[in-house]
Structure formats: C-alpha cells, structure tokens
C-alpha cells in the first residue's frame, strides 16, 4: 500500500544501525499485530525540513481562542513554532497528556484566564472520552 502523496508519506529516519534495527523490528511487530503490511519507509537520516507554517501545531490552530492568546505572546511565527509551551498545549489539544500534569504547568504557558479555562476544558473532555494518554 502506497500513500497517495509523497508529500505526506510516513517515514522513519535512523541515525545508526541500532536505530535501524529497532525501527525494522518495531514495524515488523506492528505488521504482525495488524495482520497487514505497513507502508512506512525506514531510511537513513539526511536532512531535516520543517513543515509549512500551516501544518505547525495543527491541533492548536483549530482553537481560535487559544490561538488568539498564543499569537499575542508569539507574534513571530518562528517563535510560535519553536515554543515549548505551544508544543505542549498542542499536545493537550490533540488529546495527549493528563489533566493533573496540565494543571501543574498551566500557569507557565502565559495564557489568559479564558485561554487557561479553554485548554483545561479540552484536556478534561479528552480524558472523559478516553483520548488522553498518560
């Protein structure tokens, strides 16, 4: 099975033979679990390219209230993309993390009260749906 677009294909890059071996073993194990082949390529790392701006922090970009806060904090797109706080918030919006961890870190994100409430609401909803990971 090939992806419909080279631009969006799945690839695992490795830096050494140990990483290559682990990637191959992991892929083979998952193929056995699924009972089908996985199209992900495993190739040596050569050069890293950032995705286009509109792909950055995708989950977060679907939340206008949070984006308003983060655009105020990080008016430069490069700063927005490289922010650890933004990356973490994006993870919570995507359904990853646990509410207790978010509550501990929430004050360090620089969000308004409305933004903190919205991010907490999203994370809480993810937990109730069983989407969040520890």
Protein backbone atom coordinates (compact mmCIF):
# COMPACT_ATOMS: atom_id res chain seq x y z
CA UNK A 1 0.00 0.00 0.00
CA UNK A 2 1.46 3.33 -1.06
CA UNK A 3 0.43 6.71 0.29
CA UNK A 4 -1.45 8.85 -2.19
CA UNK A 5 1.13 11.60 -1.92
CA UNK A 6 4.89 11.57 -1.48
CA UNK A 7 4.47 14.80 0.49
CA UNK A 8 2.50 13.05 3.23
CA UNK A 9 4.13 9.63 3.30
CA UNK A 10 5.19 8.02 6.55
CA UNK A 11 8.94 7.64 7.10
CA UNK A 12 11.16 6.61 9.99
CA UNK A 13 14.63 8.11 9.79
CA UNK A 14 17.52 6.43 11.56
CA UNK A 15 20.96 7.73 12.51
CA UNK A 16 22.76 4.43 13.14
CA UNK A 17 22.43 0.69 12.71
CA UNK A 18 20.94 0.19 16.19
CA UNK A 19 18.10 2.62 15.40
CA UNK A 20 17.58 0.96 12.01
CA UNK A 21 17.32 -2.47 13.62
CA UNK A 22 14.86 -1.24 16.27
CA UNK A 23 12.72 0.51 13.64
CA UNK A 24 12.56 -2.60 11.47
CA UNK A 25 11.74 -4.84 14.45
CA UNK A 26 9.03 -2.45 15.63
CA UNK A 27 7.50 -2.19 12.15
CA UNK A 28 7.52 -5.98 11.72
CA UNK A 29 5.91 -6.47 15.14
CA UNK A 30 3.17 -3.96 14.37
CA UNK A 31 2.56 -5.55 10.95
CA UNK A 32 2.14 -8.92 12.71
CA UNK A 33 -0.29 -7.36 15.23
CA UNK A 34 -2.32 -5.74 12.45
CA UNK A 35 -2.12 -8.66 10.04
CA UNK A 36 -1.12 -6.39 7.16
CA UNK A 37 1.85 -4.55 5.71
CA UNK A 38 2.63 -1.00 6.82
CA UNK A 39 3.72 1.47 4.12
CA UNK A 40 6.14 3.36 6.39
CA UNK A 41 9.63 3.56 4.89
CA UNK A 42 12.74 3.21 7.04
CA UNK A 43 15.63 5.21 5.61
CA UNK A 44 18.84 6.90 6.77
CA UNK A 45 18.52 10.48 8.02
CA UNK A 46 19.98 13.03 5.64
CA UNK A 47 18.42 16.45 6.25
CA UNK A 48 15.52 17.84 8.29
CA UNK A 49 12.95 20.21 6.82
CA UNK A 50 10.32 21.98 8.88
CA UNK A 51 6.77 21.54 7.66
CA UNK A 52 4.99 24.54 6.21
CA UNK A 53 3.66 27.04 8.75
CA UNK A 54 0.05 25.95 8.21
CA UNK A 55 0.98 22.42 9.35
CA UNK A 56 2.66 23.58 12.55
CA UNK A 57 0.79 22.92 15.81
CA UNK A 58 -2.19 21.69 13.81
CA UNK A 59 -4.48 20.80 16.73
CA UNK A 60 -3.90 24.12 18.41
CA UNK A 61 -4.65 26.01 15.19
CA UNK A 62 -8.18 24.58 15.33
CA UNK A 63 -8.82 26.50 18.57
CA UNK A 64 -9.26 30.24 17.80
CA UNK A 65 -9.42 31.32 21.45
CA UNK A 66 -6.11 29.66 22.26
CA UNK A 67 -4.52 30.90 19.02
CA UNK A 68 -5.51 34.46 19.91
CA UNK A 69 -3.54 34.17 23.16
CA UNK A 70 -0.54 32.46 21.59
CA UNK A 71 -0.43 34.92 18.67
CA UNK A 72 -0.25 37.73 21.22
CA UNK A 73 2.55 36.01 23.11
CA UNK A 74 4.41 34.88 19.95
CA UNK A 75 3.68 37.36 17.12
CA UNK A 76 6.66 35.96 15.16
CA UNK A 77 5.78 32.61 13.56
CA UNK A 78 9.28 31.25 14.20
CA UNK A 79 8.89 31.92 17.93
CA UNK A 80 5.43 30.29 17.88
CA UNK A 81 6.78 27.17 16.14
CA UNK A 82 9.77 26.80 18.46
CA UNK A 83 7.89 27.44 21.72
CA UNK A 84 7.83 24.54 24.17
CA UNK A 85 4.65 25.93 25.74
CA UNK A 86 2.93 25.94 22.36
CA UNK A 87 4.11 22.39 21.63
CA UNK A 88 2.79 21.19 24.98
CA UNK A 89 -0.56 22.97 24.53
CA UNK A 90 -0.86 21.44 21.06
CA UNK A 91 -0.38 18.01 22.60
CA UNK A 92 -3.13 18.60 25.14
CA UNK A 93 -5.49 19.87 22.44
CA UNK A 94 -4.65 16.75 20.42
CA UNK A 95 -5.74 14.55 23.30
CA UNK A 96 -2.38 13.66 24.84
CA UNK A 97 -1.40 14.11 28.46
CA UNK A 98 -3.26 14.03 31.72
CA UNK A 99 -5.27 16.76 33.37
CA UNK A 100 -3.19 16.81 36.56
CA UNK A 101 0.01 17.45 34.61
CA UNK A 102 -1.66 20.22 32.63
CA UNK A 103 -2.93 21.87 35.80
CA UNK A 104 0.60 21.88 37.23
CA UNK A 105 2.05 23.53 34.12
CA UNK A 106 -0.85 25.73 33.01
CA UNK A 107 0.41 28.90 34.66
CA UNK A 108 3.69 28.72 32.74
CA UNK A 109 2.01 28.85 29.31
CA UNK A 110 1.24 32.58 29.51
CA UNK A 111 -2.42 32.17 28.58
CA UNK A 112 -5.25 34.47 29.63
CA UNK A 113 -7.77 33.18 32.14
CA UNK A 114 -10.13 32.37 29.26
CA UNK A 115 -7.32 30.55 27.46
CA UNK A 116 -6.39 28.55 30.57
CA UNK A 117 -10.06 27.61 31.05
CA UNK A 118 -10.42 26.57 27.41
CA UNK A 119 -7.28 24.42 27.44
CA UNK A 120 -8.39 22.77 30.69
CA UNK A 121 -11.85 22.13 29.20
CA UNK A 122 -10.31 20.50 26.11
CA UNK A 123 -7.97 18.32 28.16
CA UNK A 124 -10.79 17.33 30.53
CA UNK A 125 -13.03 16.40 27.59
CA UNK A 126 -10.23 14.25 26.13
CA UNK A 127 -9.90 12.39 29.42
CA UNK A 128 -13.63 11.74 29.63
CA UNK A 129 -13.59 10.39 26.09
CA UNK A 130 -10.61 8.21 26.90
CA UNK A 131 -8.42 10.01 24.36
CA UNK A 132 -5.68 11.29 26.64
CA UNK A 133 -2.53 9.31 27.25
CA UNK A 134 -0.53 9.28 30.47
